[in-house]
């Protein structure tokens, strides 16, 4: 197991997905999407506004 600390957002996301019984691969895909959004925004997704997210559309 890794010793890295999970951010509160990631921890909550994982807990919520587990409660909803999402498959492990689905959880991985959602976390990957969240990581990509963070990379695009160059900051944590929990600080994103609607204007920031609208700029993410293909």
Foldseek 3Di string as FASTA:
>chain_A
DDPDDDDPVLVVLVVVCVVVVPDPVVSVVVVVVQVVLCVQLVHHPVPDDPVSVVVVDD
